[in-house]
Structure formats: structure tokens, C-alpha cells
Amino acid sequence: MDMRIEKQVELKAPLSRVWRALTDHREFGEWFGVRIEGPFVPGQVSRGHVTYPGYEHLSWEVVVRKLEPEKLFSFTWHPYAVDSGHDYSGETPTLVEFRLEQIPGGTRLTVTESGFDKVPADRRAEAFRMNTEGWGAQMKNIETHVARRP
């Protein structure tokens, strides 16, 4: 069974604006709650530090997969990797995909995170639950971000 999270939001902003909020590493960090060291480059690791209150001790690391302008931005990461003393490098990461679609009056943004069936059983349910809540919050965050900064 493929456990996956899917969240969707309709943004009152053009594709180009939503794309910039997703793929400019500084803007992404503003709404996502992370300070990222440099631009997103397909095939490269992107690193940074979480700025979300209570999680500032955590580093942020993803591998950028695809940047298809105004269509798809994707990366892999280790979901809910919140134990700074644990080495997650041996785990299979999940895939996060942001898909953009033009709709009347704006952009439909869909985020999907898949591959939870490969997360170790002892932390799978908690990672799935926390990221389900997290993506719900992040869709509100990007909606507020693009509305506040057109």
C-alpha cells in the first residue's frame, strides 16, 4: 500500500508568482520556516536550518529532483526527521512534489508526499501523521505569503 499525503490550495495569484514562492530558496524559506543556504539546483542537495519555533535546533536537507518551470518542483527528504541524534541516512526518503495548474483567477497548487511505506515501521505512523498536519499548515502559509507579497 502506498501511503501518500495530498493537499491542495487555490491561490489568488498567477502561476509565475506561485512558482517564485516555491522555487526561490529565500522565498520558500520565508513561508516554509527554514533558512536555506543557496538556490535550488536539480540533482543537488539543498541545506539549511529550520527557523520554525521549537525546531530551530534542526538542520534541513533535501535533494532537489525536478524544476519544470511553472509546472513541477520536487525533492526527496527524510520525513519528520526531528531527532538530531538519529542518523536517517540509511532510510529511503519520501518524494515531495509541488504541482501547479492555472485556474480561473489564479493557481491550483497540489503538494503530494509519497513513499511512506518505505519509512521504517517504528516511525512510519508518526511521520505520516505529523507531515499530514504539516502540509495542511504549509498550504495556509504559502497562501498567506503570496497574498501578502504579490
Foldseek 3Di string as FASTA:
>chain_A
DKDKAKDKDWALAALQLLLCCCFAQPNVCVLLQWRWDDGQDAQDKIKTAGRPPPQRVDIDIWHWHDCDRSAKTKIWDAFPPRDPVDDCVVFDTWMWMWGWDDDVSYIMIMIMTIDLVRGPPVCSVVSSVVVNVSVVSSSVSSNVSSVVPD
